[in-house]
C-alpha cells in the first residue's frame, strides 16, 4: 500500500446534523478519498473523480462539504488542512485521469430581490 498523499486526523465528520465522529480521519491514497472514524472504521470512500468539495459561504475557514458517493458530509478540518485536502485531490485526480484538475466550488450568498 502506498503512502497517503494526504492525511488529516482529528477531523469532525457529520452528515446533516448528525455527527459521525469528532476525531475522524480523512485520507487520500491510491486515487481514493476515504473517511474514517476515530477507530479506523470506514465511513465512506470513493475514487477522487467522483468526489466534490465545496466551501460553504456561511462557514468559517477550515470547514468543507464533501460529496462522496452522492452523500454530503460536513468536514471540520484543523488550520489550513482544507487547502491541503483540495491540493491532494487535485493532484490525485490529475494523475489518475490526466484531466486538468478538481473543481472547487465557493458557494455565495443568495441575492436579495
N, C-alpha and C. Protein backbone atom coordinates (compact mmCIF):
# COMPACT_ATOMS: atom_id res chain seq x y z
N UNK A 1 0.84 -1.17 0.00
CA UNK A 1 0.00 0.00 0.00
C UNK A 1 0.89 1.24 0.00
N UNK A 2 0.57 2.20 -0.84
CA UNK A 2 1.37 3.41 -0.99
C UNK A 2 1.13 4.36 0.18
N UNK A 3 2.08 5.26 0.36
CA UNK A 3 1.93 6.31 1.37
C UNK A 3 0.77 7.21 0.97
N UNK A 4 0.01 7.71 1.95
CA UNK A 4 -1.10 8.60 1.60
C UNK A 4 -0.59 9.93 1.06
N UNK A 5 -1.31 10.47 0.08
CA UNK A 5 -0.98 11.78 -0.47
C UNK A 5 -1.44 12.87 0.48
N UNK A 6 -2.47 12.56 1.27
CA UNK A 6 -2.98 13.50 2.26
C UNK A 6 -3.57 12.69 3.39
N UNK A 7 -3.35 13.15 4.60
CA UNK A 7 -3.93 12.52 5.77
C UNK A 7 -4.15 13.58 6.84
N UNK A 8 -5.37 13.67 7.32
CA UNK A 8 -5.70 14.61 8.39
C UNK A 8 -6.41 13.85 9.49
N UNK A 9 -5.97 14.03 10.72
CA UNK A 9 -6.62 13.39 11.86
C UNK A 9 -7.31 14.45 12.70
N UNK A 10 -8.18 14.01 13.58
CA UNK A 10 -8.91 14.94 14.44
C UNK A 10 -9.97 15.71 13.68
N UNK A 11 -10.50 15.12 12.61
CA UNK A 11 -11.49 15.78 11.78
C UNK A 11 -12.89 15.44 12.28
N UNK A 12 -13.70 16.45 12.47
CA UNK A 12 -15.11 16.20 12.80
C UNK A 12 -15.85 15.94 11.50
N UNK A 13 -16.52 14.79 11.41
CA UNK A 13 -17.25 14.41 10.21
C UNK A 13 -18.72 14.28 10.59
N UNK A 14 -19.57 14.99 9.88
CA UNK A 14 -21.00 14.97 10.16
C UNK A 14 -21.78 14.79 8.85
N UNK A 15 -22.95 14.23 8.98
CA UNK A 15 -23.87 14.13 7.85
C UNK A 15 -25.15 14.82 8.30
N UNK A 16 -25.45 15.95 7.66
CA UNK A 16 -26.51 16.84 8.08
C UNK A 16 -26.27 17.26 9.51
N UNK A 17 -27.18 17.05 10.41
CA UNK A 17 -26.97 17.46 11.80
C UNK A 17 -26.43 16.34 12.67
N UNK A 18 -26.21 15.18 12.10
CA UNK A 18 -25.74 14.03 12.86
C UNK A 18 -24.22 13.92 12.79
N UNK A 19 -23.57 14.01 13.93
CA UNK A 19 -22.12 13.86 13.99
C UNK A 19 -21.77 12.37 13.91
N UNK A 20 -20.92 12.02 12.97
CA UNK A 20 -20.48 10.64 12.82
C UNK A 20 -19.24 10.35 13.65
N UNK A 21 -18.35 11.34 13.76
CA UNK A 21 -17.17 11.23 14.60
C UNK A 21 -16.60 12.62 14.85
N UNK A 22 -16.02 12.79 16.03
CA UNK A 22 -15.40 14.07 16.37
C UNK A 22 -13.89 14.03 16.20
N UNK A 23 -13.35 12.85 16.00
CA UNK A 23 -11.90 12.71 15.85
C UNK A 23 -11.59 11.75 14.69
N UNK A 24 -12.24 11.99 13.57
CA UNK A 24 -12.08 11.11 12.42
C UNK A 24 -10.81 11.39 11.63
N UNK A 25 -10.73 10.73 10.49
CA UNK A 25 -9.55 10.86 9.65
C UNK A 25 -10.00 10.93 8.20
N UNK A 26 -9.34 11.81 7.43
CA UNK A 26 -9.57 11.93 6.00
C UNK A 26 -8.26 11.56 5.32
N UNK A 27 -8.32 10.59 4.40
CA UNK A 27 -7.11 10.11 3.73
C UNK A 27 -7.34 10.10 2.22
N UNK A 28 -6.35 10.59 1.48
CA UNK A 28 -6.34 10.45 0.02
C UNK A 28 -5.16 9.54 -0.28
N UNK A 29 -5.47 8.35 -0.84
CA UNK A 29 -4.44 7.35 -1.11
C UNK A 29 -4.87 6.52 -2.32
N UNK A 30 -3.94 6.25 -3.21
CA UNK A 30 -4.18 5.38 -4.37
C UNK A 30 -5.38 5.84 -5.19
N UNK A 31 -5.57 7.15 -5.34
CA UNK A 31 -6.65 7.67 -6.15
C UNK A 31 -8.02 7.61 -5.51
N UNK A 32 -8.09 7.43 -4.19
CA UNK A 32 -9.38 7.35 -3.47
C UNK A 32 -9.36 8.29 -2.27
N UNK A 33 -10.51 8.85 -1.98
CA UNK A 33 -10.73 9.60 -0.75
C UNK A 33 -11.45 8.67 0.21
N UNK A 34 -10.93 8.57 1.44
CA UNK A 34 -11.51 7.68 2.45
C UNK A 34 -11.80 8.50 3.70
N UNK A 35 -13.02 8.36 4.23
CA UNK A 35 -13.40 8.97 5.50
C UNK A 35 -13.45 7.86 6.54
N UNK A 36 -12.71 8.03 7.65
CA UNK A 36 -12.61 7.00 8.68
C UNK A 36 -13.05 7.54 10.03
N UNK A 37 -13.57 6.66 10.88
CA UNK A 37 -13.89 7.03 12.26
C UNK A 37 -12.60 7.09 13.06
N UNK A 38 -12.72 7.48 14.32
CA UNK A 38 -11.54 7.54 15.18
C UNK A 38 -10.98 6.14 15.46
N UNK A 39 -11.79 5.11 15.25
CA UNK A 39 -11.35 3.73 15.45
C UNK A 39 -10.81 3.09 14.17
N UNK A 40 -10.81 3.85 13.07
CA UNK A 40 -10.29 3.33 11.81
C UNK A 40 -11.32 2.62 10.95
N UNK A 41 -12.59 2.64 11.36
CA UNK A 41 -13.66 2.03 10.55
C UNK A 41 -14.04 3.00 9.43
N UNK A 42 -14.22 2.45 8.25
CA UNK A 42 -14.53 3.29 7.09
C UNK A 42 -15.97 3.79 7.14
N UNK A 43 -16.13 5.09 7.00
CA UNK A 43 -17.45 5.70 6.91
C UNK A 43 -17.90 5.66 5.46
N UNK A 44 -17.04 6.12 4.56
CA UNK A 44 -17.35 6.14 3.14
C UNK A 44 -16.05 6.35 2.38
N UNK A 45 -16.04 5.95 1.11
CA UNK A 45 -14.88 6.19 0.25
C UNK A 45 -15.34 6.21 -1.19
N UNK A 46 -14.55 6.85 -2.04
CA UNK A 46 -14.87 6.94 -3.45
C UNK A 46 -13.61 7.32 -4.22
N UNK A 47 -13.55 6.99 -5.51
CA UNK A 47 -12.45 7.48 -6.34
C UNK A 47 -12.48 9.01 -6.39
N UNK A 48 -11.32 9.63 -6.49
CA UNK A 48 -11.25 11.09 -6.44
C UNK A 48 -12.04 11.75 -7.57
N UNK A 49 -12.24 11.04 -8.68
CA UNK A 49 -13.01 11.61 -9.78
C UNK A 49 -14.48 11.80 -9.41
N UNK A 50 -14.96 11.07 -8.43
CA UNK A 50 -16.37 11.14 -8.04
C UNK A 50 -16.60 11.97 -6.79
N UNK A 51 -15.57 12.65 -6.29
CA UNK A 51 -15.69 13.45 -5.07
C UNK A 51 -15.79 14.92 -5.43
N UNK A 52 -16.74 15.62 -4.80
CA UNK A 52 -16.87 17.07 -4.95
C UNK A 52 -16.62 17.72 -3.60
N UNK A 53 -15.82 18.76 -3.60
CA UNK A 53 -15.52 19.52 -2.39
C UNK A 53 -16.02 20.94 -2.60
N UNK A 54 -16.73 21.48 -1.63
CA UNK A 54 -17.14 22.87 -1.72
C UNK A 54 -16.90 23.54 -0.38
N UNK A 55 -16.72 24.85 -0.45
CA UNK A 55 -16.52 25.66 0.74
C UNK A 55 -17.79 26.48 0.94
N UNK A 56 -18.57 26.19 1.95
CA UNK A 56 -19.82 26.94 2.14
C UNK A 56 -19.55 28.40 2.47
N UNK A 57 -20.35 29.28 1.94
CA UNK A 57 -20.16 30.71 2.15
C UNK A 57 -20.40 31.10 3.60
N UNK A 58 -21.21 30.33 4.30
CA UNK A 58 -21.61 30.68 5.66
C UNK A 58 -20.68 30.11 6.73
N UNK A 59 -19.73 29.28 6.33
CA UNK A 59 -18.90 28.59 7.32
C UNK A 59 -17.53 29.25 7.48
N UNK A 60 -16.94 29.02 8.62
CA UNK A 60 -15.61 29.54 8.92
C UNK A 60 -14.56 28.80 8.11
N UNK A 61 -13.38 29.37 8.04
CA UNK A 61 -12.25 28.75 7.34
C UNK A 61 -11.96 27.40 7.98
N UNK A 62 -11.58 26.42 7.17
CA UNK A 62 -11.28 25.10 7.68
C UNK A 62 -12.45 24.15 7.62
N UNK A 63 -13.58 24.62 7.16
CA UNK A 63 -14.75 23.75 7.02
C UNK A 63 -15.01 23.52 5.54
N UNK A 64 -15.47 22.33 5.25
CA UNK A 64 -15.73 21.97 3.86
C UNK A 64 -16.89 21.01 3.80
N UNK A 65 -17.54 20.98 2.65
CA UNK A 65 -18.57 20.00 2.37
C UNK A 65 -17.99 19.06 1.31
N UNK A 66 -18.13 17.77 1.53
CA UNK A 66 -17.62 16.78 0.59
C UNK A 66 -18.75 15.86 0.16
N UNK A 67 -18.94 15.73 -1.15
CA UNK A 67 -19.92 14.79 -1.68
C UNK A 67 -19.16 13.52 -2.06
N UNK A 68 -19.45 12.44 -1.33
CA UNK A 68 -18.81 11.15 -1.55
C UNK A 68 -19.92 10.15 -1.86
N UNK A 69 -19.89 9.59 -3.06
CA UNK A 69 -20.94 8.66 -3.50
C UNK A 69 -22.33 9.25 -3.37
N UNK A 70 -22.46 10.54 -3.64
CA UNK A 70 -23.76 11.19 -3.60
C UNK A 70 -24.22 11.62 -2.22
N UNK A 71 -23.45 11.35 -1.20
CA UNK A 71 -23.79 11.74 0.17
C UNK A 71 -22.92 12.92 0.59
N UNK A 72 -23.54 13.96 1.12
CA UNK A 72 -22.80 15.13 1.56
C UNK A 72 -22.36 14.97 3.01
N UNK A 73 -21.08 15.24 3.25
CA UNK A 73 -20.51 15.20 4.58
C UNK A 73 -19.94 16.58 4.90
N UNK A 74 -20.15 17.04 6.13
CA UNK A 74 -19.55 18.28 6.61
C UNK A 74 -18.25 17.90 7.32
N UNK A 75 -17.16 18.52 6.90
CA UNK A 75 -15.84 18.24 7.48
C UNK A 75 -15.34 19.49 8.18
N UNK A 76 -14.88 19.33 9.40
CA UNK A 76 -14.25 20.43 10.13
C UNK A 76 -12.78 20.06 10.30
N UNK A 77 -11.94 20.68 9.49
CA UNK A 77 -10.51 20.39 9.47
C UNK A 77 -9.76 21.43 10.29
N UNK A 78 -8.64 21.03 10.85
CA UNK A 78 -7.83 21.95 11.65
C UNK A 78 -6.98 22.84 10.75
N UNK A 79 -6.87 24.11 11.13
CA UNK A 79 -5.98 25.04 10.46
C UNK A 79 -6.22 25.14 8.96
N UNK A 80 -5.14 25.07 8.21
CA UNK A 80 -5.19 25.20 6.76
C UNK A 80 -5.30 23.85 6.06
N UNK A 81 -5.78 22.83 6.75
CA UNK A 81 -5.85 21.49 6.18
C UNK A 81 -6.81 21.40 5.00
N UNK A 82 -7.81 22.27 4.94
CA UNK A 82 -8.75 22.23 3.82
C UNK A 82 -8.03 22.48 2.51
N UNK A 83 -7.10 23.43 2.51
CA UNK A 83 -6.33 23.72 1.30
C UNK A 83 -5.46 22.53 0.91
N UNK A 84 -4.91 21.83 1.90
CA UNK A 84 -4.11 20.64 1.64
C UNK A 84 -4.95 19.52 1.05
N UNK A 85 -6.18 19.37 1.54
CA UNK A 85 -7.08 18.36 1.02
C UNK A 85 -7.43 18.65 -0.43
N UNK A 86 -7.74 19.90 -0.73
CA UNK A 86 -8.08 20.28 -2.11
C UNK A 86 -6.89 20.05 -3.03
N UNK A 87 -5.68 20.41 -2.58
CA UNK A 87 -4.49 20.20 -3.39
C UNK A 87 -4.22 18.72 -3.63
N UNK A 88 -4.40 17.89 -2.61
CA UNK A 88 -4.19 16.45 -2.75
C UNK A 88 -5.21 15.84 -3.71
N UNK A 89 -6.46 16.24 -3.61
CA UNK A 89 -7.48 15.75 -4.53
C UNK A 89 -7.20 16.20 -5.95
N UNK A 90 -6.76 17.44 -6.10
CA UNK A 90 -6.41 17.97 -7.41
C UNK A 90 -5.28 17.16 -8.04
N UNK A 91 -4.24 16.90 -7.26
CA UNK A 91 -3.10 16.12 -7.76
C UNK A 91 -3.47 14.68 -8.07
N UNK A 92 -4.24 14.04 -7.21
CA UNK A 92 -4.65 12.65 -7.43
C UNK A 92 -5.54 12.54 -8.65
N UNK A 93 -6.43 13.50 -8.83
CA UNK A 93 -7.31 13.47 -10.00
C UNK A 93 -6.51 13.68 -11.28
N UNK A 94 -5.56 14.59 -11.25
CA UNK A 94 -4.73 14.85 -12.43
C UNK A 94 -3.90 13.61 -12.79
N UNK A 95 -3.37 12.93 -11.80
CA UNK A 95 -2.57 11.73 -12.07
C UNK A 95 -3.42 10.58 -12.59
N UNK A 96 -4.61 10.40 -12.03
CA UNK A 96 -5.42 9.24 -12.40
C UNK A 96 -6.13 9.40 -13.74
N UNK A 97 -6.50 10.62 -14.10
CA UNK A 97 -7.26 10.78 -15.33
C UNK A 97 -6.56 11.64 -16.37
N UNK A 98 -5.50 12.30 -15.98
CA UNK A 98 -4.82 13.19 -16.91
C UNK A 98 -5.64 14.45 -17.18
N UNK A 99 -6.69 14.67 -16.40
CA UNK A 99 -7.56 15.84 -16.57
C UNK A 99 -6.89 17.09 -16.01
N UNK A 100 -7.51 18.22 -16.25
CA UNK A 100 -6.93 19.49 -15.82
C UNK A 100 -7.04 19.71 -14.33
N UNK A 101 -7.94 19.02 -13.62
CA UNK A 101 -7.97 19.19 -12.17
C UNK A 101 -9.36 19.10 -11.56
N UNK A 102 -9.41 19.45 -10.30
CA UNK A 102 -10.61 19.34 -9.47
C UNK A 102 -11.30 20.69 -9.39
N UNK A 103 -12.59 20.69 -9.59
CA UNK A 103 -13.35 21.93 -9.45
C UNK A 103 -13.76 22.09 -7.99
N UNK A 104 -13.43 23.24 -7.44
CA UNK A 104 -13.82 23.55 -6.07
C UNK A 104 -14.81 24.69 -6.13
N UNK A 105 -15.95 24.49 -5.50
CA UNK A 105 -16.99 25.49 -5.52
C UNK A 105 -16.86 26.41 -4.32
N UNK A 106 -17.19 27.64 -4.51
CA UNK A 106 -17.34 28.59 -3.40
C UNK A 106 -18.77 29.06 -3.48
N UNK A 107 -19.58 28.63 -2.55
CA UNK A 107 -21.00 29.00 -2.58
C UNK A 107 -21.16 30.43 -2.12
N UNK A 108 -22.00 31.16 -2.81
CA UNK A 108 -22.21 32.57 -2.48
C UNK A 108 -23.57 32.75 -1.84
N UNK A 109 -23.69 33.86 -1.16
CA UNK A 109 -24.97 34.18 -0.51
C UNK A 109 -26.03 34.43 -1.57
N UNK A 110 -27.26 34.03 -1.33
CA UNK A 110 -28.32 34.29 -2.29
C UNK A 110 -28.57 35.79 -2.43
N UNK A 111 -28.88 36.20 -3.66
CA UNK A 111 -29.13 37.62 -3.93
C UNK A 111 -30.53 38.00 -3.44
N UNK A 112 -30.63 39.18 -2.90
CA UNK A 112 -31.93 39.69 -2.47
C UNK A 112 -32.61 40.38 -3.64
N UNK A 113 -33.85 40.04 -3.83
CA UNK A 113 -34.65 40.78 -4.77
C UNK A 113 -34.77 40.18 -6.06
